[in-house]
C-alpha atoms as a PDB file:
ATOM      1  CA  MET A   1     -41.931  39.477  27.295  1.00  0.00           C
ATOM      2  CA  SER A   2     -40.218  36.391  28.655  1.00  0.00           C
ATOM      3  CA  VAL A   3     -41.718  33.379  30.364  1.00  0.00           C
ATOM      4  CA  THR A   4     -39.632  31.649  32.998  1.00  0.00           C
ATOM      5  CA  ASN A   5     -40.567  28.033  33.820  1.00  0.00           C
ATOM      6  CA  ILE A   6     -38.756  26.456  36.741  1.00  0.00           C
ATOM      7  CA  ASN A   7     -39.276  22.755  37.512  1.00  0.00           C
ATOM      8  CA  CYS A   8     -37.657  22.339  40.880  1.00  0.00           C
ATOM      9  CA  SER A   9     -38.954  21.011  44.223  1.00  0.00           C
ATOM     10  CA  ILE A  10     -36.644  23.278  46.230  1.00  0.00           C
ATOM     11  CA  SER A  11     -37.709  26.852  46.885  1.00  0.00           C
ATOM     12  CA  LEU A  12     -34.966  29.008  45.404  1.00  0.00           C
ATOM     13  CA  ALA A  13     -34.399  32.700  44.879  1.00  0.00           C
ATOM     14  CA  ASN A  14     -34.610  33.488  41.178  1.00  0.00           C
ATOM     15  CA  LEU A  15     -32.690  36.510  40.008  1.00  0.00           C
ATOM     16  CA  LYS A  16     -33.821  37.943  36.660  1.00  0.00           C
ATOM     17  CA  LYS A  17     -31.940  40.494  34.632  1.00  0.00           C
ATOM     18  CA  TRP A  18     -31.976  42.089  31.172  1.00  0.00           C
ATOM     19  CA  THR A  19     -28.761  43.235  29.502  1.00  0.00           C
ATOM     20  CA  VAL A  20     -28.926  45.364  26.353  1.00  0.00           C
ATOM     21  CA  TYR A  21     -26.116  45.737  23.821  1.00  0.00           C
ATOM     22  CA  LYS A  22     -25.768  48.046  20.816  1.00  0.00           C
ATOM     23  CA  VAL A  23     -24.941  45.954  17.738  1.00  0.00           C
ATOM     24  CA  ASN A  24     -23.207  46.942  14.512  1.00  0.00           C
ATOM     25  CA  GLU A  25     -25.923  46.466  11.914  1.00  0.00           C
ATOM     26  CA  LEU A  26     -23.475  45.443   9.160  1.00  0.00           C
ATOM     27  CA  THR A  27     -21.167  43.080  11.058  1.00  0.00           C
ATOM     28  CA  GLY A  28     -23.433  41.874  13.879  1.00  0.00           C
ATOM     29  CA  LYS A  29     -20.677  42.576  16.415  1.00  0.00           C
ATOM     30  CA  ILE A  30     -21.481  44.069  19.796  1.00  0.00           C
ATOM     31  CA  GLN A  31     -20.353  47.692  19.974  1.00  0.00           C
ATOM     32  CA  LYS A  32     -21.131  48.450  23.611  1.00  0.00           C
ATOM     33  CA  GLN A  33     -23.393  47.629  26.514  1.00  0.00           C
ATOM     34  CA  ILE A  34     -26.279  50.035  27.093  1.00  0.00           C
ATOM     35  CA  PHE A  35     -26.888  50.843  30.749  1.00  0.00           C
ATOM     36  CA  ILE A  36     -30.549  51.609  31.285  1.00  0.00           C
ATOM     37  CA  LYS A  37     -30.915  53.739  34.393  1.00  0.00           C
ATOM     38  CA  ASN A  38     -33.982  54.167  36.596  1.00  0.00           C
ATOM     39  CA  ASN A  39     -35.875  51.292  34.985  1.00  0.00           C
ATOM     40  CA  PRO A  40     -37.116  48.744  37.528  1.00  0.00           C
ATOM     41  CA  THR A  41     -38.251  46.342  34.782  1.00  0.00           C
ATOM     42  CA  ILE A  42     -34.597  45.534  34.031  1.00  0.00           C
ATOM     43  CA  ASN A  43     -34.916  42.923  36.827  1.00  0.00           C
ATOM     44  CA  TYR A  44     -38.251  41.402  35.747  1.00  0.00           C
ATOM     45  CA  ALA A  45     -39.357  39.028  32.998  1.00  0.00           C
ATOM     46  CA  ASP A  46     -41.011  41.883  31.061  1.00  0.00           C
ATOM     47  CA  LEU A  47     -38.631  44.626  29.961  1.00  0.00           C
ATOM     48  CA  ILE A  48     -40.461  47.898  29.298  1.00  0.00           C
ATOM     49  CA  LEU A  49     -38.524  50.667  27.594  1.00  0.00           C
ATOM     50  CA  GLN A  50     -39.835  54.215  27.607  1.00  0.00           C
ATOM     51  CA  PRO A  51     -39.886  56.148  24.320  1.00  0.00           C
ATOM     52  CA  GLN A  52     -36.498  57.508  23.213  1.00  0.00           C
ATOM     53  CA  THR A  53     -34.605  55.231  25.626  1.00  0.00           C
ATOM     54  CA  LEU A  54     -32.648  53.739  22.719  1.00  0.00           C
ATOM     55  CA  SER A  55     -31.384  55.588  19.666  1.00  0.00           C
ATOM     56  CA  TYR A  56     -31.946  54.241  16.141  1.00  0.00           C
ATOM     57  CA  GLY A  57     -30.175  50.981  15.378  1.00  0.00           C
ATOM     58  CA  VAL A  58     -29.974  47.273  16.219  1.00  0.00           C
ATOM     59  CA  TYR A  59     -29.805  45.951  19.771  1.00  0.00           C
ATOM     60  CA  LYS A  60     -29.224  42.574  21.344  1.00  0.00           C
ATOM     61  CA  CYS A  61     -31.354  41.991  24.449  1.00  0.00           C
ATOM     62  CA  VAL A  62     -30.232  39.184  26.755  1.00  0.00           C
ATOM     63  CA  TYR A  63     -32.548  37.819  29.450  1.00  0.00           C
ATOM     64  CA  THR A  64     -30.752  35.927  32.221  1.00  0.00           C
ATOM     65  CA  VAL A  65     -32.224  33.905  35.102  1.00  0.00           C
ATOM     66  CA  THR A  66     -30.041  32.769  37.972  1.00  0.00           C
ATOM     67  CA  MET A  67     -31.217  30.234  40.553  1.00  0.00           C
ATOM     68  CA  ALA A  68     -29.387  31.128  43.748  1.00  0.00           C
ATOM     69  CA  TYR A  69     -28.712  27.974  45.754  1.00  0.00           C
ATOM     70  CA  ASN A  70     -25.623  27.851  47.910  1.00  0.00           C
ATOM     71  CA  SER A  71     -22.951  27.085  45.336  1.00  0.00           C
ATOM     72  CA  PRO A  72     -22.753  26.796  42.396  1.00  0.00           C
ATOM     73  CA  ASN A  73     -25.632  28.877  41.080  1.00  0.00           C
ATOM     74  CA  PHE A  74     -27.470  27.748  37.965  1.00  0.00           C
ATOM     75  CA  THR A  75     -27.702  30.418  35.246  1.00  0.00           C
ATOM     76  CA  ASN A  76     -29.352  30.346  31.841  1.00  0.00           C
ATOM     77  CA  SER A  77     -29.848  33.071  29.214  1.00  0.00           C
ATOM     78  CA  VAL A  78     -31.812  33.679  26.040  1.00  0.00           C
ATOM     79  CA  GLU A  79     -31.389  36.521  23.582  1.00  0.00           C
ATOM     80  CA  THR A  80     -33.356  38.412  20.992  1.00  0.00           C
ATOM     81  CA  TYR A  81     -32.641  41.277  18.626  1.00  0.00           C
ATOM     82  CA  ILE A  82     -34.643  44.446  18.091  1.00  0.00           C
ATOM     83  CA  LYS A  83     -34.281  47.281  15.622  1.00  0.00           C
ATOM     84  CA  ILE A  84     -35.264  50.856  16.453  1.00  0.00           C
ATOM     85  CA  ILE A  85     -36.330  52.743  13.322  1.00  0.00           C
ATOM     86  CA  PRO A  86     -37.478  56.352  12.827  1.00  0.00           C
ATOM     87  CA  SER A  87     -41.225  56.867  13.059  1.00  0.00           C
ATOM     88  CA  GLY A  88     -41.130  59.702  10.572  1.00  0.00           C
ATOM     89  CA  LEU A  89     -43.173  62.840  10.177  1.00  0.00           C
ATOM     90  CA  VAL A  90     -46.930  63.224  10.247  1.00  0.00           C
ATOM     91  CA  LEU A  91     -47.545  65.712   7.439  1.00  0.00           C
ATOM     92  CA  SER A  92     -50.578  67.909   7.580  1.00  0.00           C
ATOM     93  CA  SER A  93     -51.033  71.396   6.216  1.00  0.00           C
ATOM     94  CA  LEU A  94     -54.631  72.011   7.233  1.00  0.00           C
ATOM     95  CA  LYS A  95     -56.347  72.449  10.558  1.00  0.00           C
ATOM     96  CA  LEU A  96     -59.233  70.027  10.600  1.00  0.00           C
ATOM     97  CA  SER A  97     -62.085  69.470  13.023  1.00  0.00           C
ATOM     98  CA  GLN A  98     -60.802  65.919  13.534  1.00  0.00           C
ATOM     99  CA  PRO A  99     -57.118  65.053  13.829  1.00  0.00           C
ATOM    100  CA  ILE A 100     -55.638  63.257  10.832  1.00  0.00           C
ATOM    101  CA  TYR A 101     -52.368  61.393  10.950  1.00  0.00           C
ATOM    102  CA  GLY A 102     -51.001  61.758   7.440  1.00  0.00           C
ATOM    103  CA  GLY A 103     -52.594  60.558   4.226  1.00  0.00           C
ATOM    104  CA  THR A 104     -54.922  62.242   1.786  1.00  0.00           C
ATOM    105  CA  ILE A 105     -57.303  64.962   2.884  1.00  0.00           C
ATOM    106  CA  GLN A 106     -60.385  65.893   0.917  1.00  0.00           C
ATOM    107  CA  ILE A 107     -61.993  69.248   1.595  1.00  0.00           C
ATOM    108  CA  THR A 108     -64.694  71.218  -0.158  1.00  0.00           C
ATOM    109  CA  ARG A 109     -64.585  74.945  -0.788  1.00  0.00           C
ATOM    110  CA  GLY A 110     -66.904  77.105  -2.839  1.00  0.00           C
ATOM    111  CA  GLN A 111     -65.935  79.736  -5.348  1.00  0.00           C
ATOM    112  CA  ASN A 112     -64.013  82.686  -3.877  1.00  0.00           C
ATOM    113  CA  GLN A 113     -63.307  80.778  -0.651  1.00  0.00           C
ATOM    114  CA  THR A 114     -59.680  80.474   0.394  1.00  0.00           C
ATOM    115  CA  ILE A 115     -57.712  77.564   1.737  1.00  0.00           C
ATOM    116  CA  GLN A 116     -54.780  78.327   3.996  1.00  0.00           C
ATOM    117  CA  PHE A 117     -51.964  75.779   4.092  1.00  0.00           C
ATOM    118  CA  ASP A 118     -49.712  75.892   7.151  1.00  0.00           C
ATOM    119  CA  PRO A 119     -47.593  72.734   7.365  1.00  0.00           C
ATOM    120  CA  PHE A 120     -45.252  74.337   9.907  1.00  0.00           C
ATOM    121  CA  LEU A 121     -48.125  74.564  12.377  1.00  0.00           C
ATOM    122  CA  PHE A 122     -49.844  71.210  11.815  1.00  0.00           C
ATOM    123  CA  THR A 123     -46.957  68.844  10.922  1.00  0.00           C
ATOM    124  CA  TYR A 124     -45.192  67.038  13.751  1.00  0.00           C
ATOM    125  CA  ASP A 125     -42.423  64.513  14.309  1.00  0.00           C
ATOM    126  CA  ILE A 126     -43.453  61.450  16.318  1.00  0.00           C
ATOM    127  CA  ASP A 127     -39.874  60.984  17.559  1.00  0.00           C
ATOM    128  CA  ASN A 128     -39.577  64.676  18.440  1.00  0.00           C
ATOM    129  CA  VAL A 129     -36.218  64.911  16.633  1.00  0.00           C
ATOM    130  CA  ALA A 130     -36.868  67.132  13.602  1.00  0.00           C
ATOM    131  CA  VAL A 131     -37.093  70.902  13.842  1.00  0.00           C
ATOM    132  CA  ILE A 132     -40.259  71.486  11.810  1.00  0.00           C
ATOM    133  CA  THR A 133     -39.414  75.125  11.063  1.00  0.00           C
ATOM    134  CA  SER A 134     -36.193  74.004   9.339  1.00  0.00           C
ATOM    135  CA  LEU A 135     -38.042  71.798   6.823  1.00  0.00           C
ATOM    136  CA  THR A 136     -38.959  72.730   3.270  1.00  0.00           C
ATOM    137  CA  PHE A 137     -42.432  71.751   2.078  1.00  0.00           C
ATOM    138  CA  LYS A 138     -43.438  71.191  -1.547  1.00  0.00           C
ATOM    139  CA  TYR A 139     -46.969  71.021  -2.910  1.00  0.00           C
ATOM    140  CA  SER A 140     -48.069  68.948  -5.829  1.00  0.00           C
ATOM    141  CA  CYS A 141     -51.579  68.716  -7.187  1.00  0.00           C
ATOM    142  CA  GLN A 142     -53.640  66.551  -9.509  1.00  0.00           C
ATOM    143  CA  LEU A 143     -57.105  66.878 -10.962  1.00  0.00           C
ATOM    144  CA  ILE A 144     -59.730  64.249 -10.287  1.00  0.00           C
ATOM    145  CA  GLN A 145     -62.447  64.222 -12.929  1.00  0.00           C
ATOM    146  CA  SER A 146     -65.394  61.813 -12.754  1.00  0.00           C
ATOM    147  CA  ASN A 147     -63.701  60.193  -9.734  1.00  0.00           C
ATOM    148  CA  LEU A 148     -60.643  59.309 -11.835  1.00  0.00           C
ATOM    149  CA  PRO A 149     -57.244  60.721 -10.812  1.00  0.00           C
ATOM    150  CA  GLN A 150     -55.528  62.406 -13.760  1.00  0.00           C
ATOM    151  CA  GLY A 151     -52.015  61.981 -12.344  1.00  0.00           C
ATOM    152  CA  TYR A 152     -49.582  64.505 -10.977  1.00  0.00           C
ATOM    153  CA  PRO A 153     -48.061  66.833 -13.587  1.00  0.00           C
ATOM    154  CA  VAL A 154     -44.528  65.870 -14.616  1.00  0.00           C
ATOM    155  CA  ILE A 155     -41.821  67.643 -16.581  1.00  0.00           C
ATOM    156  CA  PRO A 156     -42.138  66.516 -20.217  1.00  0.00           C
ATOM    157  CA  GLY A 157     -39.668  63.776 -21.121  1.00  0.00           C
ATOM    158  CA  SER A 158     -39.019  62.921 -17.469  1.00  0.00           C
ATOM    159  CA  ASN A 159     -40.760  61.299 -14.553  1.00  0.00           C
ATOM    160  CA  GLN A 160     -40.090  64.255 -12.248  1.00  0.00           C
ATOM    161  CA  THR A 161     -43.126  65.694 -10.466  1.00  0.00           C
ATOM    162  CA  ILE A 162     -43.731  69.394 -10.923  1.00  0.00           C
ATOM    163  CA  TYR A 163     -44.394  71.233  -7.673  1.00  0.00           C
ATOM    164  CA  LEU A 164     -46.234  74.523  -7.095  1.00  0.00           C
ATOM    165  CA  ASN A 165     -43.014  76.543  -6.777  1.00  0.00           C
ATOM    166  CA  ASP A 166     -41.851  75.142 -10.135  1.00  0.00           C
ATOM    167  CA  PHE A 167     -44.934  76.713 -11.767  1.00  0.00           C
ATOM    168  CA  LYS A 168     -44.279  80.009 -10.019  1.00  0.00           C
ATOM    169  CA  LEU A 169     -40.611  80.125 -11.077  1.00  0.00           C
ATOM    170  CA  ASN A 170     -40.950  78.855 -14.654  1.00  0.00           C
ATOM    171  CA  ALA A 171     -43.587  80.474 -16.870  1.00  0.00           C
ATOM    172  CA  SER A 172     -43.038  77.852 -19.602  1.00  0.00           C
ATOM    173  CA  LEU A 173     -44.646  75.256 -17.324  1.00  0.00           C
ATOM    174  CA  SER A 174     -47.915  77.217 -17.224  1.00  0.00           C
ATOM    175  CA  GLN A 175     -49.593  74.915 -19.787  1.00  0.00           C
ATOM    176  CA  LEU A 176     -49.203  72.085 -17.238  1.00  0.00           C
ATOM    177  CA  ASN A 177     -50.720  74.225 -14.497  1.00  0.00           C
ATOM    178  CA  ALA A 178     -54.336  73.067 -15.027  1.00  0.00           C
ATOM    179  CA  CYS A 179     -54.484  71.692 -11.517  1.00  0.00           C
ATOM    180  CA  PHE A 180     -53.462  74.762  -9.538  1.00  0.00           C
ATOM    181  CA  ASN A 181     -55.458  77.096 -11.801  1.00  0.00           C
ATOM    182  CA  SER A 182     -58.561  74.919 -12.014  1.00  0.00           C
ATOM    183  CA  SER A 183     -61.951  75.846 -10.651  1.00  0.00           C
ATOM    184  CA  GLY A 184     -64.986  73.643 -10.161  1.00  0.00           C
ATOM    185  CA  ASN A 185     -62.853  70.481 -10.146  1.00  0.00           C
ATOM    186  CA  ILE A 186     -61.740  68.176  -7.363  1.00  0.00           C
ATOM    187  CA  LEU A 187     -58.090  68.651  -6.491  1.00  0.00           C
ATOM    188  CA  LEU A 188     -55.821  66.256  -4.692  1.00  0.00           C
ATOM    189  CA  LYS A 189     -52.884  67.944  -3.014  1.00  0.00           C
ATOM    190  CA  ARG A 190     -49.768  66.025  -2.043  1.00  0.00           C
ATOM    191  CA  LEU A 191     -47.518  67.439   0.636  1.00  0.00           C
ATOM    192  CA  CYS A 192     -43.843  66.455   0.743  1.00  0.00           C
ATOM    193  CA  SER A 193     -41.102  67.503   3.091  1.00  0.00           C
END
């Protein structure tokens, strides 16, 4: 938002305009001007950009006001920089009665009750760029006993998390599989893409 203050006793036509430039993030040099079509706010003090108008990167936005009075016109500009960054994925593998936007989910199931994980159905991309069905999901799990997290299992001698598929593919990791094979304990599942 820009505020334009004009201290002048003569009634003049004020022309307002926004100009947007793509900037090289490393050098700060202008790469090209971005022409924003069908946006009436380009000629107002408040520039409103619809989602996905600009791709990821750094932009220089220049606000110019011209006082039209015979000749010469008086023009002044100010500039600001913005950076468009990816919003990321909202990971969810469970259908819940209330929507959840990422984070940890705690659910309760009794003995012999199943839990169905379907991250392809319940995960979405805020920017609508990723093809969810092309992603690979990994599950990790940790026990929580007496309200104390026991940590995610790691490969001995490393700091690498062991995921569910690792247990399935490597029988020697079965002694670390207390989380996925546990019953009557609280489990905390971590979903990664």
